[in-house]
Amino acid sequence: MQDDKTKTLTGKIVSKSGDKSVKVVIDFKVKHPKYGKYIKRRTKIGVHDEQNVGCVGDLVAIGQCRPRSRSKSWRLLKVIEKAVTV
C-alpha cells in the first residue's frame, strides 16, 4: 500500500474536522536567513482517516496520497502514540 517514494511526516492531531477527516499539526524549525537563529514554525494539514481511529492529541504518522478532496491530500498511516484521556 505504501511505497518508499511517498513522503511521510509525523504530527499531532489537533481537531476532528468531520467524518474520516482530521487536522494534523507539523512543528518544525527553520533557520533565519539573515540572523541564523532557529525559528519555530508549524503547518496544519488536512488528513484522510479512513477508519476514524485518530483522536485529538494522538501522535500520528501521515503519508502523501492522491487528493481526496479540496483540502486533503494526505492519509493517516498509523497512530504512533495515543493521547492520555482523564
PDB file of N, CA and C in Angstrom:
ATOM      1  N   MET A   1       0.822  -1.195   0.000  1.00  0.00           N
ATOM      2  CA  MET A   1       0.000   0.000   0.000  1.00  0.00           C
ATOM      3  C   MET A   1       0.860   1.250   0.000  1.00  0.00           C
ATOM      4  N   GLN A   2       1.967   1.228   0.724  1.00  0.00           N
ATOM      5  CA  GLN A   2       2.850   2.382   0.772  1.00  0.00           C
ATOM      6  C   GLN A   2       4.184   2.000   0.148  1.00  0.00           C
ATOM      7  N   ASP A   3       4.653   2.830  -0.781  1.00  0.00           N
ATOM      8  CA  ASP A   3       5.968   2.559  -1.352  1.00  0.00           C
ATOM      9  C   ASP A   3       6.988   3.513  -0.745  1.00  0.00           C
ATOM     10  N   ASP A   4       8.256   3.326  -1.103  1.00  0.00           N
ATOM     11  CA  ASP A   4       9.329   4.096  -0.489  1.00  0.00           C
ATOM     12  C   ASP A   4       9.395   5.537  -0.973  1.00  0.00           C
ATOM     13  N   LYS A   5       8.719   5.863  -2.071  1.00  0.00           N
ATOM     14  CA  LYS A   5       8.833   7.198  -2.640  1.00  0.00           C
ATOM     15  C   LYS A   5       7.848   8.196  -2.051  1.00  0.00           C
ATOM     16  N   THR A   6       6.830   7.723  -1.308  1.00  0.00           N
ATOM     17  CA  THR A   6       5.871   8.651  -0.728  1.00  0.00           C
ATOM     18  C   THR A   6       6.477   9.350   0.478  1.00  0.00           C
ATOM     19  N   LYS A   7       6.160  10.619   0.611  1.00  0.00           N
ATOM     20  CA  LYS A   7       6.676  11.402   1.712  1.00  0.00           C
ATOM     21  C   LYS A   7       5.856  11.121   2.965  1.00  0.00           C
ATOM     22  N   THR A   8       6.523  10.912   4.084  1.00  0.00           N
ATOM     23  CA  THR A   8       5.839  10.684   5.356  1.00  0.00           C
ATOM     24  C   THR A   8       6.271  11.725   6.368  1.00  0.00           C
ATOM     25  N   LEU A   9       5.343  12.122   7.225  1.00  0.00           N
ATOM     26  CA  LEU A   9       5.593  13.098   8.275  1.00  0.00           C
ATOM     27  C   LEU A   9       4.982  12.597   9.573  1.00  0.00           C
ATOM     28  N   THR A  10       5.404  13.192  10.674  1.00  0.00           N
ATOM     29  CA  THR A  10       4.871  12.869  11.987  1.00  0.00           C
ATOM     30  C   THR A  10       4.308  14.134  12.598  1.00  0.00           C
ATOM     31  N   GLY A  11       3.106  14.040  13.164  1.00  0.00           N
ATOM     32  CA  GLY A  11       2.495  15.210  13.770  1.00  0.00           C
ATOM     33  C   GLY A  11       1.444  14.832  14.790  1.00  0.00           C
ATOM     34  N   LYS A  12       0.801  15.847  15.354  1.00  0.00           N
ATOM     35  CA  LYS A  12      -0.195  15.660  16.392  1.00  0.00           C
ATOM     36  C   LYS A  12      -1.556  16.113  15.883  1.00  0.00           C
ATOM     37  N   ILE A  13      -2.583  15.313  16.167  1.00  0.00           N
ATOM     38  CA  ILE A  13      -3.949  15.664  15.749  1.00  0.00           C
ATOM     39  C   ILE A  13      -4.460  16.778  16.646  1.00  0.00           C
ATOM     40  N   VAL A  14      -4.961  17.855  16.019  1.00  0.00           N
ATOM     41  CA  VAL A  14      -5.471  18.977  16.795  1.00  0.00           C
ATOM     42  C   VAL A  14      -6.982  19.100  16.719  1.00  0.00           C
ATOM     43  N   SER A  15      -7.632  18.512  15.700  1.00  0.00           N
ATOM     44  CA  SER A  15      -9.084  18.566  15.639  1.00  0.00           C
ATOM     45  C   SER A  15      -9.628  17.470  14.751  1.00  0.00           C
ATOM     46  N   LYS A  16     -10.864  17.055  15.071  1.00  0.00           N
ATOM     47  CA  LYS A  16     -11.616  16.144  14.213  1.00  0.00           C
ATOM     48  C   LYS A  16     -12.535  17.038  13.388  1.00  0.00           C
ATOM     49  N   SER A  17     -12.271  17.130  12.108  1.00  0.00           N
ATOM     50  CA  SER A  17     -12.982  18.101  11.280  1.00  0.00           C
ATOM     51  C   SER A  17     -14.078  17.473  10.438  1.00  0.00           C
ATOM     52  N   GLY A  18     -14.680  16.392  10.908  1.00  0.00           N
ATOM     53  CA  GLY A  18     -15.760  15.756  10.179  1.00  0.00           C
ATOM     54  C   GLY A  18     -15.530  14.262  10.089  1.00  0.00           C
ATOM     55  N   ASP A  19     -16.390  13.568   9.357  1.00  0.00           N
ATOM     56  CA  ASP A  19     -16.268  12.130   9.212  1.00  0.00           C
ATOM     57  C   ASP A  19     -15.062  11.806   8.335  1.00  0.00           C
ATOM     58  N   LYS A  20     -14.178  10.924   8.826  1.00  0.00           N
ATOM     59  CA  LYS A  20     -12.976  10.479   8.128  1.00  0.00           C
ATOM     60  C   LYS A  20     -11.989  11.609   7.839  1.00  0.00           C
ATOM     61  N   SER A  21     -12.023  12.669   8.623  1.00  0.00           N
ATOM     62  CA  SER A  21     -11.117  13.803   8.429  1.00  0.00           C
ATOM     63  C   SER A  21     -10.563  14.267   9.765  1.00  0.00           C
ATOM     64  N   VAL A  22      -9.272  14.566   9.789  1.00  0.00           N
ATOM     65  CA  VAL A  22      -8.633  15.153  10.963  1.00  0.00           C
ATOM     66  C   VAL A  22      -7.670  16.239  10.495  1.00  0.00           C
ATOM     67  N   LYS A  23      -7.343  17.145  11.408  1.00  0.00           N
ATOM     68  CA  LYS A  23      -6.330  18.164  11.158  1.00  0.00           C
ATOM     69  C   LYS A  23      -5.101  17.808  11.978  1.00  0.00           C
ATOM     70  N   VAL A  24      -3.940  17.784  11.324  1.00  0.00           N
ATOM     71  CA  VAL A  24      -2.684  17.422  11.971  1.00  0.00           C
ATOM     72  C   VAL A  24      -1.732  18.604  11.895  1.00  0.00           C
ATOM     73  N   VAL A  25      -1.084  18.909  13.023  1.00  0.00           N
ATOM     74  CA  VAL A  25      -0.109  19.998  13.083  1.00  0.00           C
ATOM     75  C   VAL A  25       1.287  19.404  13.010  1.00  0.00           C
ATOM     76  N   ILE A  26       2.107  19.953  12.098  1.00  0.00           N
ATOM     77  CA  ILE A  26       3.502  19.566  11.951  1.00  0.00           C
ATOM     78  C   ILE A  26       4.348  20.733  12.455  1.00  0.00           C
ATOM     79  N   ASP A  27       5.147  20.487  13.500  1.00  0.00           N
ATOM     80  CA  ASP A  27       6.048  21.505  14.039  1.00  0.00           C
ATOM     81  C   ASP A  27       7.448  21.280  13.474  1.00  0.00           C
ATOM     82  N   PHE A  28       8.107  22.357  13.077  1.00  0.00           N
ATOM     83  CA  PHE A  28       9.468  22.254  12.571  1.00  0.00           C
ATOM     84  C   PHE A  28      10.209  23.559  12.838  1.00  0.00           C
ATOM     85  N   LYS A  29      11.514  23.537  12.672  1.00  0.00           N
ATOM     86  CA  LYS A  29      12.341  24.722  12.892  1.00  0.00           C
ATOM     87  C   LYS A  29      13.052  25.079  11.598  1.00  0.00           C
ATOM     88  N   VAL A  30      13.119  26.367  11.302  1.00  0.00           N
ATOM     89  CA  VAL A  30      13.839  26.860  10.131  1.00  0.00           C
ATOM     90  C   VAL A  30      14.866  27.885  10.590  1.00  0.00           C
ATOM     91  N   LYS A  31      15.944  27.979   9.861  1.00  0.00           N
ATOM     92  CA  LYS A  31      16.997  28.926  10.195  1.00  0.00           C
ATOM     93  C   LYS A  31      16.689  30.267   9.535  1.00  0.00           C
ATOM     94  N   HIS A  32      16.782  31.348  10.312  1.00  0.00           N
ATOM     95  CA  HIS A  32      16.544  32.681   9.780  1.00  0.00           C
ATOM     96  C   HIS A  32      17.636  33.014   8.765  1.00  0.00           C
ATOM     97  N   PRO A  33      17.260  33.528   7.594  1.00  0.00           N
ATOM     98  CA  PRO A  33      18.267  33.739   6.549  1.00  0.00           C
ATOM     99  C   PRO A  33      19.345  34.770   6.906  1.00  0.00           C
ATOM    100  N   LYS A  34      18.992  35.788   7.679  1.00  0.00           N
ATOM    101  CA  LYS A  34      19.966  36.829   7.990  1.00  0.00           C
ATOM    102  C   LYS A  34      20.669  36.606   9.325  1.00  0.00           C
ATOM    103  N   TYR A  35      19.897  36.282  10.364  1.00  0.00           N
ATOM    104  CA  TYR A  35      20.455  36.234  11.710  1.00  0.00           C
ATOM    105  C   TYR A  35      20.915  34.847  12.140  1.00  0.00           C
ATOM    106  N   GLY A  36      20.493  33.808  11.455  1.00  0.00           N
ATOM    107  CA  GLY A  36      20.962  32.473  11.761  1.00  0.00           C
ATOM    108  C   GLY A  36      20.270  31.792  12.928  1.00  0.00           C
ATOM    109  N   LYS A  37      19.351  32.496  13.584  1.00  0.00           N
ATOM    110  CA  LYS A  37      18.630  31.915  14.707  1.00  0.00           C
ATOM    111  C   LYS A  37      17.547  30.970  14.184  1.00  0.00           C
ATOM    112  N   TYR A  38      17.307  29.875  14.919  1.00  0.00           N
ATOM    113  CA  TYR A  38      16.268  28.939  14.517  1.00  0.00           C
ATOM    114  C   TYR A  38      14.913  29.410  15.034  1.00  0.00           C
ATOM    115  N   ILE A  39      13.916  29.371  14.163  1.00  0.00           N
ATOM    116  CA  ILE A  39      12.582  29.858  14.463  1.00  0.00           C
ATOM    117  C   ILE A  39      11.611  28.683  14.381  1.00  0.00           C
ATOM    118  N   LYS A  40      10.682  28.587  15.346  1.00  0.00           N
ATOM    119  CA  LYS A  40       9.668  27.537  15.317  1.00  0.00           C
ATOM    120  C   LYS A  40       8.569  27.913  14.328  1.00  0.00           C
ATOM    121  N   ARG A  41       8.204  26.970  13.485  1.00  0.00           N
ATOM    122  CA  ARG A  41       7.109  27.142  12.536  1.00  0.00           C
ATOM    123  C   ARG A  41       6.189  25.936  12.661  1.00  0.00           C
ATOM    124  N   ARG A  42       4.959  26.093  12.232  1.00  0.00           N
ATOM    125  CA  ARG A  42       4.021  24.973  12.225  1.00  0.00           C
ATOM    126  C   ARG A  42       3.088  25.117  11.036  1.00  0.00           C
ATOM    127  N   THR A  43       2.642  23.966  10.550  1.00  0.00           N
ATOM    128  CA  THR A  43       1.691  23.944   9.456  1.00  0.00           C
ATOM    129  C   THR A  43       0.584  22.961   9.806  1.00  0.00           C
ATOM    130  N   LYS A  44      -0.633  23.290   9.403  1.00  0.00           N
ATOM    131  CA  LYS A  44      -1.797  22.471   9.695  1.00  0.00           C
ATOM    132  C   LYS A  44      -2.239  21.786   8.405  1.00  0.00           C
ATOM    133  N   ILE A  45      -2.340  20.454   8.436  1.00  0.00           N
ATOM    134  CA  ILE A  45      -2.617  19.665   7.240  1.00  0.00           C
ATOM    135  C   ILE A  45      -3.923  18.898   7.437  1.00  0.00           C
ATOM    136  N   GLY A  46      -4.767  18.892   6.416  1.00  0.00           N
ATOM    137  CA  GLY A  46      -5.967  18.067   6.424  1.00  0.00           C
ATOM    138  C   GLY A  46      -5.609  16.642   6.033  1.00  0.00           C
ATOM    139  N   VAL A  47      -6.029  15.662   6.836  1.00  0.00           N
ATOM    140  CA  VAL A  47      -5.630  14.268   6.651  1.00  0.00           C
ATOM    141  C   VAL A  47      -6.878  13.389   6.550  1.00  0.00           C
ATOM    142  N   HIS A  48      -6.838  12.423   5.628  1.00  0.00           N
ATOM    143  CA  HIS A  48      -7.914  11.453   5.466  1.00  0.00           C
ATOM    144  C   HIS A  48      -7.695  10.297   6.427  1.00  0.00           C
ATOM    145  N   ASP A  49      -8.683  10.036   7.280  1.00  0.00           N
ATOM    146  CA  ASP A  49      -8.617   8.970   8.288  1.00  0.00           C
ATOM    147  C   ASP A  49      -9.726   7.967   7.971  1.00  0.00           C
ATOM    148  N   GLU A  50      -9.397   6.928   7.223  1.00  0.00           N
ATOM    149  CA  GLU A  50     -10.397   6.001   6.686  1.00  0.00           C
ATOM    150  C   GLU A  50     -11.181   5.276   7.775  1.00  0.00           C
ATOM    151  N   GLN A  51     -10.516   4.792   8.844  1.00  0.00           N
ATOM    152  CA  GLN A  51     -11.199   4.023   9.881  1.00  0.00           C
ATOM    153  C   GLN A  51     -11.625   4.862  11.085  1.00  0.00           C
ATOM    154  N   ASN A  52     -11.437   6.153  11.057  1.00  0.00           N
ATOM    155  CA  ASN A  52     -11.760   7.050  12.180  1.00  0.00           C
ATOM    156  C   ASN A  52     -11.086   6.597  13.471  1.00  0.00           C
ATOM    157  N   VAL A  53      -9.798   6.270  13.413  1.00  0.00           N
ATOM    158  CA  VAL A  53      -9.076   5.806  14.595  1.00  0.00           C
ATOM    159  C   VAL A  53      -8.379   6.940  15.335  1.00  0.00           C
ATOM    160  N   GLY A  54      -8.150   8.057  14.692  1.00  0.00           N
ATOM    161  CA  GLY A  54      -7.429   9.158  15.320  1.00  0.00           C
ATOM    162  C   GLY A  54      -8.302   9.968  16.256  1.00  0.00           C
ATOM    163  N   CYS A  55      -7.733  10.348  17.405  1.00  0.00           N
ATOM    164  CA  CYS A  55      -8.405  11.216  18.365  1.00  0.00           C
ATOM    165  C   CYS A  55      -7.533  12.443  18.596  1.00  0.00           C
ATOM    166  N   VAL A  56      -8.134  13.481  19.122  1.00  0.00           N
ATOM    167  CA  VAL A  56      -7.398  14.717  19.385  1.00  0.00           C
ATOM    168  C   VAL A  56      -6.294  14.438  20.396  1.00  0.00           C
ATOM    169  N   GLY A  57      -5.066  14.841  20.060  1.00  0.00           N
ATOM    170  CA  GLY A  57      -3.917  14.652  20.930  1.00  0.00           C
ATOM    171  C   GLY A  57      -3.038  13.479  20.544  1.00  0.00           C
ATOM    172  N   ASP A  58      -3.485  12.633  19.628  1.00  0.00           N
ATOM    173  CA  ASP A  58      -2.690  11.481  19.207  1.00  0.00           C
ATOM    174  C   ASP A  58      -1.497  11.904  18.368  1.00  0.00           C
ATOM    175  N   LEU A  59      -0.384  11.206  18.526  1.00  0.00           N
ATOM    176  CA  LEU A  59       0.786  11.385  17.675  1.00  0.00           C
ATOM    177  C   LEU A  59       0.660  10.382  16.532  1.00  0.00           C
ATOM    178  N   VAL A  60       0.671  10.876  15.294  1.00  0.00           N
ATOM    179  CA  VAL A  60       0.384  10.016  14.145  1.00  0.00           C
ATOM    180  C   VAL A  60       1.436  10.175  13.061  1.00  0.00           C
ATOM    181  N   ALA A  61       1.535   9.147  12.215  1.00  0.00           N
ATOM    182  CA  ALA A  61       2.356   9.195  11.008  1.00  0.00           C
ATOM    183  C   ALA A  61       1.404   9.351   9.830  1.00  0.00           C
ATOM    184  N   ILE A  62       1.711  10.288   8.933  1.00  0.00           N
ATOM    185  CA  ILE A  62       0.873  10.531   7.767  1.00  0.00           C
ATOM    186  C   ILE A  62       1.714  10.417   6.502  1.00  0.00           C
ATOM    187  N   GLY A  63       1.075  10.084   5.404  1.00  0.00           N
ATOM    188  CA  GLY A  63       1.771   9.941   4.134  1.00  0.00           C
ATOM    189  C   GLY A  63       1.008  10.622   3.020  1.00  0.00           C
ATOM    190  N   GLN A  64       1.724  11.064   2.015  1.00  0.00           N
ATOM    191  CA  GLN A  64       1.088  11.711   0.872  1.00  0.00           C
ATOM    192  C   GLN A  64       0.295  10.701   0.064  1.00  0.00           C
ATOM    193  N   CYS A  65      -0.800  11.163  -0.529  1.00  0.00           N
ATOM    194  CA  CYS A  65      -1.610  10.318  -1.398  1.00  0.00           C
ATOM    195  C   CYS A  65      -2.258  11.217  -2.450  1.00  0.00           C
ATOM    196  N   ARG A  66      -3.064  10.618  -3.291  1.00  0.00           N
ATOM    197  CA  ARG A  66      -3.776  11.420  -4.287  1.00  0.00           C
ATOM    198  C   ARG A  66      -4.766  12.325  -3.560  1.00  0.00           C
ATOM    199  N   PRO A  67      -5.162  13.446  -4.152  1.00  0.00           N
ATOM    200  CA  PRO A  67      -6.121  14.336  -3.489  1.00  0.00           C
ATOM    201  C   PRO A  67      -7.459  13.647  -3.246  1.00  0.00           C
ATOM    202  N   ARG A  68      -7.881  13.600  -1.984  1.00  0.00           N
ATOM    203  CA  ARG A  68      -9.173  13.013  -1.613  1.00  0.00           C
ATOM    204  C   ARG A  68     -10.281  14.052  -1.686  1.00  0.00           C
ATOM    205  N   SER A  69      -9.920  15.305  -1.472  1.00  0.00           N
ATOM    206  CA  SER A  69     -10.865  16.415  -1.561  1.00  0.00           C
ATOM    207  C   SER A  69     -10.049  17.677  -1.819  1.00  0.00           C
ATOM    208  N   ARG A  70     -10.697  18.810  -1.725  1.00  0.00           N
ATOM    209  CA  ARG A  70     -10.004  20.077  -1.973  1.00  0.00           C
ATOM    210  C   ARG A  70      -8.894  20.327  -0.955  1.00  0.00           C
ATOM    211  N   SER A  71      -9.103  19.881   0.280  1.00  0.00           N
ATOM    212  CA  SER A  71      -8.133  20.188   1.333  1.00  0.00           C
ATOM    213  C   SER A  71      -7.359  18.979   1.840  1.00  0.00           C
ATOM    214  N   LYS A  72      -7.650  17.769   1.346  1.00  0.00           N
ATOM    215  CA  LYS A  72      -6.992  16.568   1.865  1.00  0.00           C
ATOM    216  C   LYS A  72      -6.208  15.846   0.777  1.00  0.00           C
ATOM    217  N   SER A  73      -4.884  15.844   0.913  1.00  0.00           N
ATOM    218  CA  SER A  73      -4.040  15.045   0.028  1.00  0.00           C
ATOM    219  C   SER A  73      -3.019  14.245   0.844  1.00  0.00           C
ATOM    220  N   TRP A  74      -3.351  14.005   2.100  1.00  0.00           N
ATOM    221  CA  TRP A  74      -2.551  13.182   2.997  1.00  0.00           C
ATOM    222  C   TRP A  74      -3.468  12.148   3.624  1.00  0.00           C
ATOM    223  N   ARG A  75      -2.908  10.980   4.013  1.00  0.00           N
ATOM    224  CA  ARG A  75      -3.704   9.956   4.673  1.00  0.00           C
ATOM    225  C   ARG A  75      -2.994   9.513   5.947  1.00  0.00           C
ATOM    226  N   LEU A  76      -3.787   9.045   6.894  1.00  0.00           N
ATOM    227  CA  LEU A  76      -3.270   8.565   8.163  1.00  0.00           C
ATOM    228  C   LEU A  76      -2.698   7.169   7.961  1.00  0.00           C
ATOM    229  N   LEU A  77      -1.415   6.986   8.269  1.00  0.00           N
ATOM    230  CA  LEU A  77      -0.778   5.684   8.119  1.00  0.00           C
ATOM    231  C   LEU A  77      -0.902   4.856   9.388  1.00  0.00           C
ATOM    232  N   LYS A  78      -0.537   5.450  10.530  1.00  0.00           N
ATOM    233  CA  LYS A  78      -0.651   4.722  11.792  1.00  0.00           C
ATOM    234  C   LYS A  78      -0.640   5.701  12.954  1.00  0.00           C
ATOM    235  N   VAL A  79      -1.208   5.252  14.061  1.00  0.00           N
ATOM    236  CA  VAL A  79      -1.180   6.020  15.300  1.00  0.00           C
ATOM    237  C   VAL A  79       0.040   5.561  16.075  1.00  0.00           C
ATOM    238  N   ILE A  80       0.973   6.479  16.291  1.00  0.00           N
ATOM    239  CA  ILE A  80       2.217   6.146  16.990  1.00  0.00           C
ATOM    240  C   ILE A  80       1.989   6.106  18.500  1.00  0.00           C
ATOM    241  N   GLU A  81       1.290   7.118  19.015  1.00  0.00           N
ATOM    242  CA  GLU A  81       1.058   7.206  20.462  1.00  0.00           C
ATOM    243  C   GLU A  81      -0.324   7.770  20.704  1.00  0.00           C
ATOM    244  N   LYS A  82      -1.126   7.048  21.490  1.00  0.00           N
ATOM    245  CA  LYS A  82      -2.473   7.507  21.817  1.00  0.00           C
ATOM    246  C   LYS A  82      -2.414   8.598  22.873  1.00  0.00           C
ATOM    247  N   ALA A  83      -3.373   9.527  22.815  1.00  0.00           N
ATOM    248  CA  ALA A  83      -3.447  10.604  23.795  1.00  0.00           C
ATOM    249  C   ALA A  83      -3.965  10.058  25.112  1.00  0.00           C
ATOM    250  N   VAL A  84      -3.486  10.634  26.206  1.00  0.00           N
ATOM    251  CA  VAL A  84      -3.939  10.244  27.532  1.00  0.00           C
ATOM    252  C   VAL A  84      -5.226  10.987  27.843  1.00  0.00           C
ATOM    253  N   THR A  85      -6.315  10.249  28.117  1.00  0.00           N
ATOM    254  CA  THR A  85      -7.592  10.868  28.449  1.00  0.00           C
ATOM    255  C   THR A  85      -7.849  10.681  29.931  1.00  0.00           C
ATOM    256  N   VAL A  86      -8.341  11.760  30.571  1.00  0.00           N
ATOM    257  CA  VAL A  86      -8.591  11.723  32.016  1.00  0.00           C
ATOM    258  C   VAL A  86     -10.074  11.692  32.268  1.00  0.00           C
TER     259      VAL A  86
END
